[in-house]
Amino acid sequence: MKHAFKRLGAVGLGIAVVVGLSYSAERPKYRFQEDAAETGRVIPGARLVNAVQSVELASPVSWFWPATTTWNFAWPDLAKPNRFYAVSLNYGEDDPDVLLVDADCKTGAAELYDLDEPDSAPPALSVRGEPVVAPNGKTYRRTALRPFPTNWIQSFCDTDWSAEKASVAAAQQRS
C-alpha cells in the first residue's frame, strides 16, 4: 500500500511538472490572446469575424485550453457599401495585416486589397474612382496570394452592421 502511494505521488508530481512546463510555454499565447481581444474592443465599429485557436501536440495544456492565436476583426467603410477594413492579429508577428475587402454578397466572392502589393497590382478605388490610400501613405492594391476565409463572406453579408457603422461615424466625427 505504501508503494502504491509513493507511485501515485510520483505520477502526480510528474503530471504537475509537465502541466507547469506546458502552461509556461503557452503563457505568451494567453497574454497575446488578452491583448488581441482588447485591441478589438478599442477599434471603433470593429467586430470579430474569425478567430483561430492553436493546439500544440507537445503542450498538453493547449489540448484542453487552446489559446486563440489569430484574431480577425472587421469594420465597415462608410463611403462604399459592402466594403470593409479587416485587421488580422497573428501570434508571433509584430505587425498586424490590414486588408481592404470588397464583398460581393450576390456571388459570395470578395476582392482583397493589401498594402504590401507591388505598384503593378490594380488599386482599390474609392466611390470617386481614386485609389484608396491608407494613413501610412501606402495604396491598397489587389492581392490574390491570400487565402480568403470562407466564413468572412457570411460575416460581411449576413450580418446587420448598423451599430458598427454608427460607431465608425461617431469616431470619425470626434477626430
Protein backbone atom coordinates (compact mmCIF):
# COMPACT_ATOMS: atom_id res chain seq x y z
CA MET A 1 0.00 0.00 0.00
CA LYS A 2 2.87 2.32 0.88
CA HIS A 3 4.49 1.73 -2.53
CA ALA A 4 1.22 2.47 -4.29
CA PHE A 5 1.01 5.88 -2.60
CA LYS A 6 4.64 6.61 -3.50
CA ARG A 7 4.00 5.69 -7.13
CA LEU A 8 0.81 7.70 -7.17
CA GLY A 9 2.67 10.66 -5.67
CA ALA A 10 5.47 10.31 -8.23
CA VAL A 11 2.97 10.15 -11.10
CA GLY A 12 1.12 13.18 -9.67
CA LEU A 13 4.38 15.12 -9.35
CA GLY A 14 5.34 14.18 -12.91
CA ILE A 15 1.98 15.35 -14.22
CA ALA A 16 2.26 18.60 -12.26
CA VAL A 17 5.74 19.26 -13.71
CA VAL A 18 4.60 18.54 -17.28
CA VAL A 19 1.48 20.72 -16.90
CA GLY A 20 3.53 23.51 -15.31
CA LEU A 21 6.08 23.49 -18.11
CA SER A 22 3.31 23.29 -20.68
CA TYR A 23 1.49 26.26 -19.16
CA SER A 24 4.74 28.25 -19.05
CA ALA A 25 5.25 27.58 -22.74
CA GLU A 26 1.65 28.62 -23.57
CA ARG A 27 1.59 31.69 -21.33
CA PRO A 28 2.81 34.18 -24.00
CA LYS A 29 -0.03 32.98 -26.25
CA TYR A 30 -2.58 33.63 -23.50
CA ARG A 31 -1.12 37.11 -23.00
CA PHE A 32 -1.37 37.71 -26.77
CA GLN A 33 -4.97 36.46 -26.66
CA GLU A 34 -5.88 39.02 -23.98
CA ASP A 35 -4.11 41.86 -25.82
CA ALA A 36 -5.74 40.98 -29.14
CA ALA A 37 -9.20 40.85 -27.59
CA GLU A 38 -8.61 44.26 -26.03
CA THR A 39 -7.43 45.65 -29.38
CA GLY A 40 -10.69 44.54 -30.97
CA ARG A 41 -12.66 46.33 -28.28
CA VAL A 42 -10.91 49.67 -28.87
CA ILE A 43 -11.25 49.80 -32.67
CA PRO A 44 -14.42 51.81 -33.37
CA GLY A 45 -17.00 49.68 -35.14
CA ALA A 46 -14.88 46.54 -35.12
CA ARG A 47 -16.44 43.12 -34.96
CA LEU A 48 -14.69 39.77 -34.62
CA VAL A 49 -15.26 37.88 -37.89
CA ASN A 50 -12.93 34.96 -37.34
CA ALA A 51 -10.59 33.54 -34.71
CA VAL A 52 -8.32 30.52 -34.73
CA GLN A 53 -7.18 28.56 -31.72
CA SER A 54 -3.95 26.59 -31.82
CA VAL A 55 -3.24 23.23 -30.27
CA GLU A 56 0.37 22.16 -29.85
CA LEU A 57 1.00 18.44 -29.76
CA ALA A 58 3.92 18.93 -27.35
CA SER A 59 1.90 21.14 -24.99
CA PRO A 60 -0.75 19.24 -23.02
CA VAL A 61 -2.28 22.44 -21.62
CA SER A 62 -3.21 23.50 -25.16
CA TRP A 63 -5.14 20.25 -25.63
CA PHE A 64 -7.68 21.38 -23.05
CA TRP A 65 -7.24 25.15 -23.08
CA PRO A 66 -6.09 26.24 -26.55
CA ALA A 67 -5.05 29.85 -26.98
CA THR A 68 -6.58 31.98 -29.71
CA THR A 69 -3.56 32.86 -31.85
CA THR A 70 -5.27 34.51 -34.83
CA TRP A 71 -7.87 37.26 -34.48
CA ASN A 72 -9.60 38.81 -37.49
CA PHE A 73 -11.60 41.98 -36.88
CA ALA A 74 -13.53 43.94 -39.50
CA TRP A 75 -15.32 47.26 -39.58
CA PRO A 76 -17.37 48.83 -42.35
CA ASP A 77 -16.22 51.56 -44.70
CA LEU A 78 -18.95 54.20 -44.61
CA ALA A 79 -18.20 55.52 -48.10
CA LYS A 80 -18.82 52.31 -50.04
CA PRO A 81 -21.42 49.60 -49.37
CA ASN A 82 -20.09 46.09 -48.71
CA ARG A 83 -16.54 47.39 -48.24
CA PHE A 84 -14.76 46.55 -45.03
CA TYR A 85 -11.42 47.10 -43.44
CA ALA A 86 -10.06 43.94 -41.85
CA VAL A 87 -7.16 43.55 -39.47
CA SER A 88 -5.56 40.21 -38.66
CA LEU A 89 -3.59 39.88 -35.47
CA ASN A 90 -1.38 36.79 -35.52
CA TYR A 91 0.66 35.44 -32.63
CA GLY A 92 4.37 35.71 -33.35
CA GLU A 93 4.02 38.51 -35.90
CA ASP A 94 4.98 42.03 -34.89
CA ASP A 95 2.74 43.90 -37.29
CA PRO A 96 -0.94 43.26 -37.98
CA ASP A 97 -2.15 42.56 -41.51
CA VAL A 98 -4.54 45.27 -42.65
CA LEU A 99 -6.72 44.48 -45.64
CA LEU A 100 -9.50 46.17 -47.55
CA VAL A 101 -12.26 43.77 -48.56
CA ASP A 102 -14.92 44.36 -51.20
CA ALA A 103 -17.59 41.73 -50.56
CA ASP A 104 -19.92 40.77 -53.39
CA CYS A 105 -22.90 39.45 -51.47
CA LYS A 106 -24.74 38.28 -54.59
CA THR A 107 -22.00 35.97 -55.82
CA GLY A 108 -20.38 35.22 -52.46
CA ALA A 109 -17.00 36.38 -53.71
CA ALA A 110 -14.64 39.05 -52.46
CA GLU A 111 -11.77 41.15 -53.68
CA LEU A 112 -8.90 41.55 -51.23
CA TYR A 113 -6.60 44.54 -51.21
CA ASP A 114 -3.34 44.64 -49.26
CA LEU A 115 -0.89 47.43 -48.50
CA ASP A 116 2.22 45.43 -49.42
CA GLU A 117 1.46 44.62 -53.05
CA PRO A 118 3.61 45.84 -55.98
CA ASP A 119 2.65 49.02 -57.82
CA SER A 120 1.66 46.89 -60.84
CA ALA A 121 -1.32 45.43 -58.92
CA PRO A 122 -4.62 47.25 -59.50
CA PRO A 123 -5.57 49.61 -56.66
CA ALA A 124 -8.80 49.62 -54.70
CA LEU A 125 -10.88 52.54 -55.91
CA SER A 126 -12.97 54.94 -53.89
CA VAL A 127 -16.51 55.90 -54.90
CA ARG A 128 -14.91 58.80 -56.81
CA GLY A 129 -12.66 56.40 -58.73
CA GLU A 130 -9.46 57.39 -56.88
CA PRO A 131 -7.02 54.89 -55.35
CA VAL A 132 -7.66 54.20 -51.67
CA VAL A 133 -4.65 55.26 -49.61
CA ALA A 134 -4.03 54.21 -46.01
CA PRO A 135 -2.97 56.72 -43.34
CA ASN A 136 0.63 55.48 -43.72
CA GLY A 137 0.62 56.63 -47.38
CA LYS A 138 0.51 53.16 -48.93
CA THR A 139 -2.12 52.29 -51.52
CA TYR A 140 -4.42 49.31 -51.11
CA ARG A 141 -3.76 47.03 -54.09
CA ARG A 142 -5.46 43.82 -55.18
CA THR A 143 -3.91 40.65 -53.91
CA ALA A 144 -4.59 37.10 -55.00
CA LEU A 145 -1.99 35.46 -52.82
CA ARG A 146 -4.01 35.40 -49.60
CA PRO A 147 -6.47 32.65 -48.86
CA PHE A 148 -9.85 34.16 -48.09
CA PRO A 149 -11.63 32.62 -45.10
CA THR A 150 -14.96 31.37 -46.41
CA ASN A 151 -16.89 32.39 -43.31
CA TRP A 152 -15.91 36.05 -43.85
CA ILE A 153 -18.46 36.46 -46.66
CA GLN A 154 -21.18 35.27 -44.30
CA SER A 155 -19.93 37.67 -41.63
CA PHE A 156 -19.94 40.57 -44.08
CA CYS A 157 -23.15 39.84 -45.95
CA ASP A 158 -25.45 38.06 -43.49
CA THR A 159 -24.96 40.49 -40.63
CA ASP A 160 -26.52 43.83 -39.76
CA TRP A 161 -23.64 46.28 -39.47
CA SER A 162 -25.79 49.26 -38.40
CA ALA A 163 -24.33 49.54 -34.89
CA GLU A 164 -20.78 49.28 -36.21
CA LYS A 165 -21.45 51.93 -38.88
CA ALA A 166 -22.80 54.26 -36.20
CA SER A 167 -19.69 53.65 -34.08
CA VAL A 168 -17.38 54.36 -37.04
CA ALA A 169 -19.31 57.54 -37.88
CA ALA A 170 -19.13 58.74 -34.28
CA ALA A 171 -15.36 58.09 -34.17
CA GLN A 172 -14.86 59.98 -37.44
CA GLN A 173 -16.80 62.97 -36.07
CA ARG A 174 -14.62 63.03 -32.94
CA SER A 175 -11.39 63.11 -34.91
